[in-house]
């Protein structure tokens, strides 16, 4: 399984493989053409409530991670499809956060890599 993470604001590359935006909101200042997406899966992004809570509680990474993992359990079919795609080709999870270590894509990648198909 090959999954990598990348900010949506970074240039697209032929090395990205299948490009998937995993944020609920469209990133500011980027056009749909510039995003060069294969898919935008809003449903697997954190809920609005969780996203807003984490924005106000940035130091609570562990709690955010646990809450988001719990939310991901509601989207098993979409996640299995994405994990299946990653088992046959490289998948790049795109996110807009400036924090490259503490964002939903980090948690999502971990979840997908542990998912048994």
PDB file of N, CA and C in Angstrom:
ATOM      1  N   UNK A   1       0.861  -1.177   0.000  1.00  0.00           N
ATOM      2  CA  UNK A   1       0.000   0.000   0.000  1.00  0.00           C
ATOM      3  C   UNK A   1       0.904   1.235   0.000  1.00  0.00           C
ATOM      4  N   UNK A   2       0.648   2.128  -0.950  1.00  0.00           N
ATOM      5  CA  UNK A   2       1.453   3.338  -1.032  1.00  0.00           C
ATOM      6  C   UNK A   2       0.566   4.567  -0.895  1.00  0.00           C
ATOM      7  N   UNK A   3       0.698   5.229   0.244  1.00  0.00           N
ATOM      8  CA  UNK A   3      -0.059   6.449   0.512  1.00  0.00           C
ATOM      9  C   UNK A   3       0.932   7.517   0.943  1.00  0.00           C
ATOM     10  N   UNK A   4       0.820   8.680   0.324  1.00  0.00           N
ATOM     11  CA  UNK A   4       1.660   9.788   0.754  1.00  0.00           C
ATOM     12  C   UNK A   4       0.773  10.997   1.041  1.00  0.00           C
ATOM     13  N   UNK A   5       1.332  11.942   1.762  1.00  0.00           N
ATOM     14  CA  UNK A   5       0.619  13.158   2.132  1.00  0.00           C
ATOM     15  C   UNK A   5       1.257  14.344   1.439  1.00  0.00           C
ATOM     16  N   UNK A   6       0.408  15.332   1.115  1.00  0.00           N
ATOM     17  CA  UNK A   6       0.931  16.519   0.447  1.00  0.00           C
ATOM     18  C   UNK A   6      -0.049  17.671   0.649  1.00  0.00           C
ATOM     19  N   UNK A   7       0.493  18.868   0.840  1.00  0.00           N
ATOM     20  CA  UNK A   7      -0.375  20.043   0.907  1.00  0.00           C
ATOM     21  C   UNK A   7      -0.937  20.322  -0.480  1.00  0.00           C
ATOM     22  N   UNK A   8      -2.185  20.693  -0.551  1.00  0.00           N
ATOM     23  CA  UNK A   8      -2.843  21.003  -1.814  1.00  0.00           C
ATOM     24  C   UNK A   8      -2.163  22.183  -2.509  1.00  0.00           C
ATOM     25  N   UNK A   9      -1.485  23.020  -1.744  1.00  0.00           N
ATOM     26  CA  UNK A   9      -0.828  24.206  -2.297  1.00  0.00           C
ATOM     27  C   UNK A   9       0.522  23.881  -2.946  1.00  0.00           C
ATOM     28  N   UNK A  10       1.041  22.685  -2.705  1.00  0.00           N
ATOM     29  CA  UNK A  10       2.286  22.270  -3.351  1.00  0.00           C
ATOM     30  C   UNK A  10       1.977  21.870  -4.793  1.00  0.00           C
ATOM     31  N   UNK A  11       2.941  22.063  -5.666  1.00  0.00           N
ATOM     32  CA  UNK A  11       2.743  21.724  -7.074  1.00  0.00           C
ATOM     33  C   UNK A  11       2.429  20.236  -7.254  1.00  0.00           C
ATOM     34  N   UNK A  12       1.506  19.968  -8.161  1.00  0.00           N
ATOM     35  CA  UNK A  12       1.199  18.578  -8.518  1.00  0.00           C
ATOM     36  C   UNK A  12       2.397  17.989  -9.245  1.00  0.00           C
ATOM     37  N   UNK A  13       2.572  16.687  -9.075  1.00  0.00           N
ATOM     38  CA  UNK A  13       3.695  15.993  -9.679  1.00  0.00           C
ATOM     39  C   UNK A  13       3.209  14.690 -10.299  1.00  0.00           C
ATOM     40  N   UNK A  14       3.895  14.236 -11.312  1.00  0.00           N
ATOM     41  CA  UNK A  14       3.537  12.945 -11.907  1.00  0.00           C
ATOM     42  C   UNK A  14       3.781  11.809 -10.915  1.00  0.00           C
ATOM     43  N   UNK A  15       4.581  12.070  -9.897  1.00  0.00           N
ATOM     44  CA  UNK A  15       4.865  11.090  -8.849  1.00  0.00           C
ATOM     45  C   UNK A  15       3.731  10.980  -7.820  1.00  0.00           C
ATOM     46  N   UNK A  16       2.733  11.847  -7.906  1.00  0.00           N
ATOM     47  CA  UNK A  16       1.644  11.844  -6.929  1.00  0.00           C
ATOM     48  C   UNK A  16       0.705  10.661  -7.080  1.00  0.00           C
ATOM     49  N   UNK A  17       0.590  10.124  -8.255  1.00  0.00           N
ATOM     50  CA  UNK A  17      -0.381   9.061  -8.468  1.00  0.00           C
ATOM     51  C   UNK A  17      -1.792   9.615  -8.414  1.00  0.00           C
ATOM     52  N   UNK A  18      -2.673   8.904  -7.732  1.00  0.00           N
ATOM     53  CA  UNK A  18      -4.086   9.278  -7.602  1.00  0.00           C
ATOM     54  C   UNK A  18      -4.213  10.349  -6.526  1.00  0.00           C
ATOM     55  N   UNK A  19      -4.635  11.554  -6.915  1.00  0.00           N
ATOM     56  CA  UNK A  19      -4.684  12.704  -5.996  1.00  0.00           C
ATOM     57  C   UNK A  19      -6.089  12.876  -5.417  1.00  0.00           C
ATOM     58  N   UNK A  20      -6.176  12.832  -4.071  1.00  0.00           N
ATOM     59  CA  UNK A  20      -7.463  12.902  -3.386  1.00  0.00           C
ATOM     60  C   UNK A  20      -7.440  14.001  -2.329  1.00  0.00           C
ATOM     61  N   UNK A  21      -8.338  14.971  -2.464  1.00  0.00           N
ATOM     62  CA  UNK A  21      -8.502  16.000  -1.435  1.00  0.00           C
ATOM     63  C   UNK A  21      -9.348  15.412  -0.320  1.00  0.00           C
ATOM     64  N   UNK A  22      -8.859  15.514   0.920  1.00  0.00           N
ATOM     65  CA  UNK A  22      -9.554  14.889   2.053  1.00  0.00           C
ATOM     66  C   UNK A  22     -10.034  15.927   3.075  1.00  0.00           C
ATOM     67  N   UNK A  23     -10.204  17.167   2.634  1.00  0.00           N
ATOM     68  CA  UNK A  23     -10.761  18.231   3.479  1.00  0.00           C
ATOM     69  C   UNK A  23     -12.232  18.423   3.132  1.00  0.00           C
ATOM     70  N   UNK A  24     -13.004  18.885   4.105  1.00  0.00           N
ATOM     71  CA  UNK A  24     -14.426  19.143   3.874  1.00  0.00           C
ATOM     72  C   UNK A  24     -14.635  20.440   3.097  1.00  0.00           C
ATOM     73  N   UNK A  25     -13.776  21.421   3.348  1.00  0.00           N
ATOM     74  CA  UNK A  25     -13.904  22.723   2.693  1.00  0.00           C
ATOM     75  C   UNK A  25     -12.895  22.849   1.558  1.00  0.00           C
ATOM     76  N   UNK A  26     -13.305  23.534   0.494  1.00  0.00           N
ATOM     77  CA  UNK A  26     -12.381  23.766  -0.610  1.00  0.00           C
ATOM     78  C   UNK A  26     -11.290  24.721  -0.134  1.00  0.00           C
ATOM     79  N   UNK A  27     -10.025  24.447  -0.445  1.00  0.00           N
ATOM     80  CA  UNK A  27      -8.926  25.298   0.013  1.00  0.00           C
ATOM     81  C   UNK A  27      -8.968  26.687  -0.631  1.00  0.00           C
ATOM     82  N   UNK A  28      -8.695  27.682   0.172  1.00  0.00           N
ATOM     83  CA  UNK A  28      -8.712  29.063  -0.301  1.00  0.00           C
ATOM     84  C   UNK A  28      -7.599  29.319  -1.314  1.00  0.00           C
ATOM     85  N   UNK A  29      -7.940  30.100  -2.314  1.00  0.00           N
ATOM     86  CA  UNK A  29      -6.940  30.597  -3.233  1.00  0.00           C
ATOM     87  C   UNK A  29      -6.432  29.608  -4.268  1.00  0.00           C
ATOM     88  N   UNK A  30      -7.095  28.486  -4.425  1.00  0.00           N
ATOM     89  CA  UNK A  30      -6.642  27.512  -5.426  1.00  0.00           C
ATOM     90  C   UNK A  30      -7.828  27.154  -6.337  1.00  0.00           C
ATOM     91  N   UNK A  31      -7.571  27.160  -7.612  1.00  0.00           N
ATOM     92  CA  UNK A  31      -8.635  26.828  -8.561  1.00  0.00           C
ATOM     93  C   UNK A  31      -8.751  25.310  -8.695  1.00  0.00           C
ATOM     94  N   UNK A  32      -9.879  24.878  -9.194  1.00  0.00           N
ATOM     95  CA  UNK A  32     -10.068  23.439  -9.394  1.00  0.00           C
ATOM     96  C   UNK A  32      -9.074  22.903 -10.416  1.00  0.00           C
ATOM     97  N   UNK A  33      -8.741  23.696 -11.427  1.00  0.00           N
ATOM     98  CA  UNK A  33      -7.747  23.257 -12.415  1.00  0.00           C
ATOM     99  C   UNK A  33      -6.370  23.113 -11.773  1.00  0.00           C
ATOM    100  N   UNK A  34      -5.989  24.089 -10.963  1.00  0.00           N
ATOM    101  CA  UNK A  34      -4.667  24.053 -10.320  1.00  0.00           C
ATOM    102  C   UNK A  34      -4.564  22.902  -9.321  1.00  0.00           C
ATOM    103  N   UNK A  35      -5.686  22.513  -8.730  1.00  0.00           N
ATOM    104  CA  UNK A  35      -5.676  21.426  -7.745  1.00  0.00           C
ATOM    105  C   UNK A  35      -5.338  20.094  -8.393  1.00  0.00           C
ATOM    106  N   UNK A  36      -5.696  19.928  -9.642  1.00  0.00           N
ATOM    107  CA  UNK A  36      -5.371  18.712 -10.387  1.00  0.00           C
ATOM    108  C   UNK A  36      -5.789  17.449  -9.622  1.00  0.00           C
ATOM    109  N   UNK A  37      -7.055  17.419  -9.212  1.00  0.00           N
ATOM    110  CA  UNK A  37      -7.577  16.308  -8.399  1.00  0.00           C
ATOM    111  C   UNK A  37      -8.123  15.169  -9.242  1.00  0.00           C
ATOM    112  N   UNK A  38      -8.019  13.979  -8.695  1.00  0.00           N
ATOM    113  CA  UNK A  38      -8.727  12.831  -9.236  1.00  0.00           C
ATOM    114  C   UNK A  38     -10.045  12.642  -8.493  1.00  0.00           C
ATOM    115  N   UNK A  39     -10.064  13.069  -7.229  1.00  0.00           N
ATOM    116  CA  UNK A  39     -11.258  12.871  -6.410  1.00  0.00           C
ATOM    117  C   UNK A  39     -11.210  13.813  -5.222  1.00  0.00           C
ATOM    118  N   UNK A  40     -12.394  14.221  -4.768  1.00  0.00           N
ATOM    119  CA  UNK A  40     -12.536  15.006  -3.544  1.00  0.00           C
ATOM    120  C   UNK A  40     -13.536  14.253  -2.686  1.00  0.00           C
ATOM    121  N   UNK A  41     -13.065  13.706  -1.571  1.00  0.00           N
ATOM    122  CA  UNK A  41     -13.939  12.905  -0.701  1.00  0.00           C
ATOM    123  C   UNK A  41     -14.216  13.689   0.581  1.00  0.00           C
ATOM    124  N   UNK A  42     -15.257  14.505   0.547  1.00  0.00           N
ATOM    125  CA  UNK A  42     -15.617  15.345   1.693  1.00  0.00           C
ATOM    126  C   UNK A  42     -16.104  14.518   2.886  1.00  0.00           C
ATOM    127  N   UNK A  43     -16.767  13.412   2.578  1.00  0.00           N
ATOM    128  CA  UNK A  43     -17.410  12.625   3.637  1.00  0.00           C
ATOM    129  C   UNK A  43     -16.434  12.041   4.651  1.00  0.00           C
ATOM    130  N   UNK A  44     -15.187  11.820   4.251  1.00  0.00           N
ATOM    131  CA  UNK A  44     -14.232  11.225   5.191  1.00  0.00           C
ATOM    132  C   UNK A  44     -13.415  12.279   5.942  1.00  0.00           C
ATOM    133  N   UNK A  45     -13.711  13.543   5.683  1.00  0.00           N
ATOM    134  CA  UNK A  45     -13.063  14.626   6.429  1.00  0.00           C
ATOM    135  C   UNK A  45     -13.697  14.722   7.822  1.00  0.00           C
ATOM    136  N   UNK A  46     -13.004  15.340   8.763  1.00  0.00           N
ATOM    137  CA  UNK A  46     -13.616  15.523  10.093  1.00  0.00           C
ATOM    138  C   UNK A  46     -14.924  16.308   9.980  1.00  0.00           C
ATOM    139  N   UNK A  47     -15.847  16.007  10.865  1.00  0.00           N
ATOM    140  CA  UNK A  47     -17.113  16.744  10.908  1.00  0.00           C
ATOM    141  C   UNK A  47     -16.831  18.221  11.145  1.00  0.00           C
ATOM    142  N   UNK A  48     -17.799  19.066  10.786  1.00  0.00           N
ATOM    143  CA  UNK A  48     -17.634  20.506  11.025  1.00  0.00           C
ATOM    144  C   UNK A  48     -17.380  20.779  12.502  1.00  0.00           C
ATOM    145  N   UNK A  49     -18.099  20.076  13.366  1.00  0.00           N
ATOM    146  CA  UNK A  49     -17.943  20.283  14.800  1.00  0.00           C
ATOM    147  C   UNK A  49     -16.517  19.948  15.259  1.00  0.00           C
ATOM    148  N   UNK A  50     -16.005  18.811  14.793  1.00  0.00           N
ATOM    149  CA  UNK A  50     -14.656  18.400  15.197  1.00  0.00           C
ATOM    150  C   UNK A  50     -13.607  19.335  14.604  1.00  0.00           C
ATOM    151  N   UNK A  51     -13.785  19.715  13.354  1.00  0.00           N
ATOM    152  CA  UNK A  51     -12.836  20.630  12.708  1.00  0.00           C
ATOM    153  C   UNK A  51     -12.764  21.956  13.460  1.00  0.00           C
ATOM    154  N   UNK A  52     -13.917  22.513  13.808  1.00  0.00           N
ATOM    155  CA  UNK A  52     -13.952  23.784  14.548  1.00  0.00           C
ATOM    156  C   UNK A  52     -13.370  23.622  15.942  1.00  0.00           C
ATOM    157  N   UNK A  53     -13.669  22.502  16.597  1.00  0.00           N
ATOM    158  CA  UNK A  53     -13.125  22.255  17.937  1.00  0.00           C
ATOM    159  C   UNK A  53     -11.590  22.208  17.885  1.00  0.00           C
ATOM    160  N   UNK A  54     -11.041  21.487  16.921  1.00  0.00           N
ATOM    161  CA  UNK A  54      -9.585  21.367  16.831  1.00  0.00           C
ATOM    162  C   UNK A  54      -8.942  22.699  16.490  1.00  0.00           C
ATOM    163  N   UNK A  55      -9.590  23.502  15.667  1.00  0.00           N
ATOM    164  CA  UNK A  55      -9.068  24.825  15.324  1.00  0.00           C
ATOM    165  C   UNK A  55      -8.908  25.680  16.583  1.00  0.00           C
ATOM    166  N   UNK A  56      -9.810  25.499  17.537  1.00  0.00           N
ATOM    167  CA  UNK A  56      -9.752  26.261  18.799  1.00  0.00           C
ATOM    168  C   UNK A  56      -8.907  25.575  19.869  1.00  0.00           C
ATOM    169  N   UNK A  57      -8.546  24.314  19.659  1.00  0.00           N
ATOM    170  CA  UNK A  57      -7.821  23.529  20.661  1.00  0.00           C
ATOM    171  C   UNK A  57      -6.626  22.823  20.025  1.00  0.00           C
ATOM    172  N   UNK A  58      -5.757  23.559  19.370  1.00  0.00           N
ATOM    173  CA  UNK A  58      -4.644  22.977  18.619  1.00  0.00           C
ATOM    174  C   UNK A  58      -3.721  22.117  19.482  1.00  0.00           C
ATOM    175  N   UNK A  59      -3.651  22.386  20.754  1.00  0.00           N
ATOM    176  CA  UNK A  59      -2.765  21.610  21.622  1.00  0.00           C
ATOM    177  C   UNK A  59      -3.358  20.241  21.973  1.00  0.00           C
ATOM    178  N   UNK A  60      -4.590  19.985  21.595  1.00  0.00           N
ATOM    179  CA  UNK A  60      -5.281  18.739  21.924  1.00  0.00           C
ATOM    180  C   UNK A  60      -5.202  17.722  20.781  1.00  0.00           C
ATOM    181  N   UNK A  61      -4.019  17.532  20.216  1.00  0.00           N
ATOM    182  CA  UNK A  61      -3.833  16.633  19.085  1.00  0.00           C
ATOM    183  C   UNK A  61      -4.318  15.217  19.387  1.00  0.00           C
ATOM    184  N   UNK A  62      -3.950  14.687  20.530  1.00  0.00           N
ATOM    185  CA  UNK A  62      -4.348  13.318  20.885  1.00  0.00           C
ATOM    186  C   UNK A  62      -5.860  13.160  20.931  1.00  0.00           C
ATOM    187  N   UNK A  63      -6.530  14.125  21.498  1.00  0.00           N
ATOM    188  CA  UNK A  63      -7.994  14.073  21.578  1.00  0.00           C
ATOM    189  C   UNK A  63      -8.616  14.201  20.190  1.00  0.00           C
ATOM    190  N   UNK A  64      -8.096  15.100  19.379  1.00  0.00           N
ATOM    191  CA  UNK A  64      -8.589  15.228  18.004  1.00  0.00           C
ATOM    192  C   UNK A  64      -8.430  13.900  17.271  1.00  0.00           C
ATOM    193  N   UNK A  65      -7.248  13.321  17.376  1.00  0.00           N
ATOM    194  CA  UNK A  65      -6.949  12.062  16.701  1.00  0.00           C
ATOM    195  C   UNK A  65      -7.958  10.980  17.101  1.00  0.00           C
ATOM    196  N   UNK A  66      -8.208  10.841  18.398  1.00  0.00           N
ATOM    197  CA  UNK A  66      -9.158   9.831  18.880  1.00  0.00           C
ATOM    198  C   UNK A  66     -10.578  10.086  18.371  1.00  0.00           C
ATOM    199  N   UNK A  67     -10.997  11.334  18.410  1.00  0.00           N
ATOM    200  CA  UNK A  67     -12.353  11.673  17.955  1.00  0.00           C
ATOM    201  C   UNK A  67     -12.494  11.432  16.445  1.00  0.00           C
ATOM    202  N   UNK A  68     -11.457  11.792  15.702  1.00  0.00           N
ATOM    203  CA  UNK A  68     -11.520  11.607  14.250  1.00  0.00           C
ATOM    204  C   UNK A  68     -11.509  10.123  13.889  1.00  0.00           C
ATOM    205  N   UNK A  69     -10.695   9.336  14.556  1.00  0.00           N
ATOM    206  CA  UNK A  69     -10.696   7.886  14.317  1.00  0.00           C
ATOM    207  C   UNK A  69     -12.088   7.307  14.570  1.00  0.00           C
ATOM    208  N   UNK A  70     -12.752   7.807  15.582  1.00  0.00           N
ATOM    209  CA  UNK A  70     -14.110   7.359  15.887  1.00  0.00           C
ATOM    210  C   UNK A  70     -15.064   7.741  14.748  1.00  0.00           C
ATOM    211  N   UNK A  71     -14.919   8.942  14.212  1.00  0.00           N
ATOM    212  CA  UNK A  71     -15.767   9.360  13.100  1.00  0.00           C
ATOM    213  C   UNK A  71     -15.508   8.523  11.844  1.00  0.00           C
ATOM    214  N   UNK A  72     -14.266   8.150  11.623  1.00  0.00           N
ATOM    215  CA  UNK A  72     -13.922   7.388  10.423  1.00  0.00           C
ATOM    216  C   UNK A  72     -14.631   6.038  10.367  1.00  0.00           C
ATOM    217  N   UNK A  73     -14.975   5.482  11.512  1.00  0.00           N
ATOM    218  CA  UNK A  73     -15.658   4.192  11.554  1.00  0.00           C
ATOM    219  C   UNK A  73     -17.014   4.240  10.855  1.00  0.00           C
ATOM    220  N   UNK A  74     -17.567   5.438  10.674  1.00  0.00           N
ATOM    221  CA  UNK A  74     -18.870   5.600  10.013  1.00  0.00           C
ATOM    222  C   UNK A  74     -18.754   5.574   8.492  1.00  0.00           C
ATOM    223  N   UNK A  75     -17.535   5.538   7.979  1.00  0.00           N
ATOM    224  CA  UNK A  75     -17.316   5.647   6.528  1.00  0.00           C
ATOM    225  C   UNK A  75     -16.499   4.473   5.990  1.00  0.00           C
ATOM    226  N   UNK A  76     -16.761   3.296   6.510  1.00  0.00           N
ATOM    227  CA  UNK A  76     -15.958   2.126   6.166  1.00  0.00           C
ATOM    228  C   UNK A  76     -15.939   1.810   4.678  1.00  0.00           C
ATOM    229  N   UNK A  77     -17.055   1.950   3.995  1.00  0.00           N
ATOM    230  CA  UNK A  77     -17.094   1.603   2.574  1.00  0.00           C
ATOM    231  C   UNK A  77     -16.193   2.531   1.747  1.00  0.00           C
ATOM    232  N   UNK A  78     -16.321   3.837   1.963  1.00  0.00           N
ATOM    233  CA  UNK A  78     -15.479   4.797   1.228  1.00  0.00           C
ATOM    234  C   UNK A  78     -14.007   4.589   1.559  1.00  0.00           C
ATOM    235  N   UNK A  79     -13.729   4.268   2.801  1.00  0.00           N
ATOM    236  CA  UNK A  79     -12.337   4.055   3.222  1.00  0.00           C
ATOM    237  C   UNK A  79     -11.781   2.763   2.635  1.00  0.00           C
ATOM    238  N   UNK A  80     -12.590   1.732   2.552  1.00  0.00           N
ATOM    239  CA  UNK A  80     -12.135   0.482   1.923  1.00  0.00           C
ATOM    240  C   UNK A  80     -11.832   0.704   0.443  1.00  0.00           C
ATOM    241  N   UNK A  81     -12.682   1.489  -0.214  1.00  0.00           N
ATOM    242  CA  UNK A  81     -12.448   1.797  -1.632  1.00  0.00           C
ATOM    243  C   UNK A  81     -11.124   2.534  -1.812  1.00  0.00           C
ATOM    244  N   UNK A  82     -10.856   3.490  -0.937  1.00  0.00           N
ATOM    245  CA  UNK A  82      -9.610   4.255  -1.025  1.00  0.00           C
ATOM    246  C   UNK A  82      -8.403   3.380  -0.700  1.00  0.00           C
ATOM    247  N   UNK A  83      -8.528   2.530   0.305  1.00  0.00           N
ATOM    248  CA  UNK A  83      -7.438   1.610   0.647  1.00  0.00           C
ATOM    249  C   UNK A  83      -7.183   0.626  -0.486  1.00  0.00           C
ATOM    250  N   UNK A  84      -8.240   0.184  -1.132  1.00  0.00           N
ATOM    251  CA  UNK A  84      -8.093  -0.717  -2.270  1.00  0.00           C
ATOM    252  C   UNK A  84      -7.353  -0.023  -3.411  1.00  0.00           C
ATOM    253  N   UNK A  85      -7.694   1.217  -3.657  1.00  0.00           N
ATOM    254  CA  UNK A  85      -7.010   2.000  -4.685  1.00  0.00           C
ATOM    255  C   UNK A  85      -5.522   2.104  -4.340  1.00  0.00           C
ATOM    256  N   UNK A  86      -5.211   2.341  -3.056  1.00  0.00           N
ATOM    257  CA  UNK A  86      -3.813   2.492  -2.611  1.00  0.00           C
ATOM    258  C   UNK A  86      -3.054   1.176  -2.670  1.00  0.00           C
ATOM    259  N   UNK A  87      -3.761   0.059  -2.700  1.00  0.00           N
ATOM    260  CA  UNK A  87      -3.072  -1.228  -2.783  1.00  0.00           C
ATOM    261  C   UNK A  87      -2.621  -1.526  -4.216  1.00  0.00           C
ATOM    262  N   UNK A  88      -3.208  -0.813  -5.184  1.00  0.00           N
ATOM    263  CA  UNK A  88      -2.836  -1.068  -6.571  1.00  0.00           C
ATOM    264  C   UNK A  88      -2.083   0.084  -7.236  1.00  0.00           C
ATOM    265  N   UNK A  89      -2.133   1.270  -6.631  1.00  0.00           N
ATOM    266  CA  UNK A  89      -1.396   2.416  -7.165  1.00  0.00           C
ATOM    267  C   UNK A  89      -1.122   3.414  -6.050  1.00  0.00           C
ATOM    268  N   UNK A  90      -0.202   4.330  -6.307  1.00  0.00           N
ATOM    269  CA  UNK A  90       0.122   5.349  -5.307  1.00  0.00           C
ATOM    270  C   UNK A  90      -1.054   6.307  -5.158  1.00  0.00           C
ATOM    271  N   UNK A  91      -1.386   6.629  -3.912  1.00  0.00           N
ATOM    272  CA  UNK A  91      -2.439   7.582  -3.597  1.00  0.00           C
ATOM    273  C   UNK A  91      -1.817   8.708  -2.789  1.00  0.00           C
ATOM    274  N   UNK A  92      -2.120   9.938  -3.177  1.00  0.00           N
ATOM    275  CA  UNK A  92      -1.664  11.102  -2.429  1.00  0.00           C
ATOM    276  C   UNK A  92      -2.871  11.758  -1.787  1.00  0.00           C
ATOM    277  N   UNK A  93      -2.857  11.818  -0.446  1.00  0.00           N
ATOM    278  CA  UNK A  93      -3.908  12.491   0.300  1.00  0.00           C
ATOM    279  C   UNK A  93      -3.523  13.963   0.400  1.00  0.00           C
ATOM    280  N   UNK A  94      -4.390  14.828  -0.095  1.00  0.00           N
ATOM    281  CA  UNK A  94      -4.133  16.259  -0.120  1.00  0.00           C
ATOM    282  C   UNK A  94      -4.923  16.960   0.975  1.00  0.00           C
ATOM    283  N   UNK A  95      -4.273  17.897   1.632  1.00  0.00           N
ATOM    284  CA  UNK A  95      -4.890  18.645   2.719  1.00  0.00           C
ATOM    285  C   UNK A  95      -4.430  20.096   2.621  1.00  0.00           C
ATOM    286  N   UNK A  96      -5.126  21.013   3.295  1.00  0.00           N
ATOM    287  CA  UNK A  96      -4.773  22.420   3.199  1.00  0.00           C
ATOM    288  C   UNK A  96      -4.072  22.965   4.440  1.00  0.00           C
ATOM    289  N   UNK A  97      -4.082  22.255   5.526  1.00  0.00           N
ATOM    290  CA  UNK A  97      -3.491  22.735   6.776  1.00  0.00           C
ATOM    291  C   UNK A  97      -2.022  23.116   6.624  1.00  0.00           C
ATOM    292  N   UNK A  98      -1.629  24.179   7.308  1.00  0.00           N
ATOM    293  CA  UNK A  98      -0.216  24.581   7.314  1.00  0.00           C
ATOM    294  C   UNK A  98       0.614  23.640   8.189  1.00  0.00           C
ATOM    295  N   UNK A  99      -0.034  23.015   9.153  1.00  0.00           N
ATOM    296  CA  UNK A  99       0.640  22.094  10.066  1.00  0.00           C
ATOM    297  C   UNK A  99       0.741  20.726   9.387  1.00  0.00           C
ATOM    298  N   UNK A 100       1.943  20.366   8.994  1.00  0.00           N
ATOM    299  CA  UNK A 100       2.128  19.118   8.239  1.00  0.00           C
ATOM    300  C   UNK A 100       2.144  17.873   9.123  1.00  0.00           C
ATOM    301  N   UNK A 101       2.235  18.038  10.434  1.00  0.00           N
ATOM    302  CA  UNK A 101       2.298  16.895  11.341  1.00  0.00           C
ATOM    303  C   UNK A 101       1.008  16.645  12.104  1.00  0.00           C
ATOM    304  N   UNK A 102       0.168  17.662  12.214  1.00  0.00           N
ATOM    305  CA  UNK A 102      -1.057  17.557  13.009  1.00  0.00           C
ATOM    306  C   UNK A 102      -2.252  17.998  12.170  1.00  0.00           C
ATOM    307  N   UNK A 103      -2.738  17.085  11.338  1.00  0.00           N
ATOM    308  CA  UNK A 103      -3.904  17.378  10.512  1.00  0.00           C
ATOM    309  C   UNK A 103      -4.655  16.079  10.222  1.00  0.00           C
ATOM    310  N   UNK A 104      -5.838  16.216   9.678  1.00  0.00           N
ATOM    311  CA  UNK A 104      -6.677  15.040   9.446  1.00  0.00           C
ATOM    312  C   UNK A 104      -6.057  14.040   8.475  1.00  0.00           C
ATOM    313  N   UNK A 105      -5.281  14.498   7.505  1.00  0.00           N
ATOM    314  CA  UNK A 105      -4.683  13.575   6.534  1.00  0.00           C
ATOM    315  C   UNK A 105      -3.687  12.632   7.201  1.00  0.00           C
ATOM    316  N   UNK A 106      -2.987  13.109   8.221  1.00  0.00           N
ATOM    317  CA  UNK A 106      -2.040  12.269   8.967  1.00  0.00           C
ATOM    318  C   UNK A 106      -2.790  11.107   9.621  1.00  0.00           C
ATOM    319  N   UNK A 107      -3.905  11.419  10.254  1.00  0.00           N
ATOM    320  CA  UNK A 107      -4.709  10.394  10.922  1.00  0.00           C
ATOM    321  C   UNK A 107      -5.331   9.451   9.891  1.00  0.00           C
ATOM    322  N   UNK A 108      -5.825  10.018   8.813  1.00  0.00           N
ATOM    323  CA  UNK A 108      -6.450   9.223   7.767  1.00  0.00           C
ATOM    324  C   UNK A 108      -5.460   8.241   7.147  1.00  0.00           C
ATOM    325  N   UNK A 109      -4.252   8.680   6.883  1.00  0.00           N
ATOM    326  CA  UNK A 109      -3.220   7.804   6.324  1.00  0.00           C
ATOM    327  C   UNK A 109      -2.952   6.634   7.262  1.00  0.00           C
ATOM    328  N   UNK A 110      -2.816   6.934   8.541  1.00  0.00           N
ATOM    329  CA  UNK A 110      -2.588   5.889   9.546  1.00  0.00           C
ATOM    330  C   UNK A 110      -3.739   4.884   9.546  1.00  0.00           C
ATOM    331  N   UNK A 111      -4.952   5.384   9.497  1.00  0.00           N
ATOM    332  CA  UNK A 111      -6.130   4.523   9.503  1.00  0.00           C
ATOM    333  C   UNK A 111      -6.152   3.617   8.275  1.00  0.00           C
ATOM    334  N   UNK A 112      -5.923   4.209   7.103  1.00  0.00           N
ATOM    335  CA  UNK A 112      -5.953   3.440   5.852  1.00  0.00           C
ATOM    336  C   UNK A 112      -4.881   2.365   5.827  1.00  0.00           C
ATOM    337  N   UNK A 113      -3.693   2.667   6.340  1.00  0.00           N
ATOM    338  CA  UNK A 113      -2.604   1.702   6.327  1.00  0.00           C
ATOM    339  C   UNK A 113      -2.873   0.514   7.252  1.00  0.00           C
ATOM    340  N   UNK A 114      -3.708   0.703   8.249  1.00  0.00           N
ATOM    341  CA  UNK A 114      -4.048  -0.389   9.172  1.00  0.00           C
ATOM    342  C   UNK A 114      -5.303  -1.155   8.750  1.00  0.00           C
ATOM    343  N   UNK A 115      -6.018  -0.613   7.788  1.00  0.00           N
ATOM    344  CA  UNK A 115      -7.271  -1.221   7.345  1.00  0.00           C
ATOM    345  C   UNK A 115      -6.977  -2.515   6.589  1.00  0.00           C
ATOM    346  N   UNK A 116      -7.662  -3.572   6.987  1.00  0.00           N
ATOM    347  CA  UNK A 116      -7.500  -4.850   6.282  1.00  0.00           C
ATOM    348  C   UNK A 116      -8.627  -4.958   5.265  1.00  0.00           C
ATOM    349  N   UNK A 117      -8.248  -5.286   4.069  1.00  0.00           N
ATOM    350  CA  UNK A 117      -9.237  -5.354   2.980  1.00  0.00           C
ATOM    351  C   UNK A 117      -9.891  -6.720   2.909  1.00  0.00           C
TER     352      UNK A 117
END
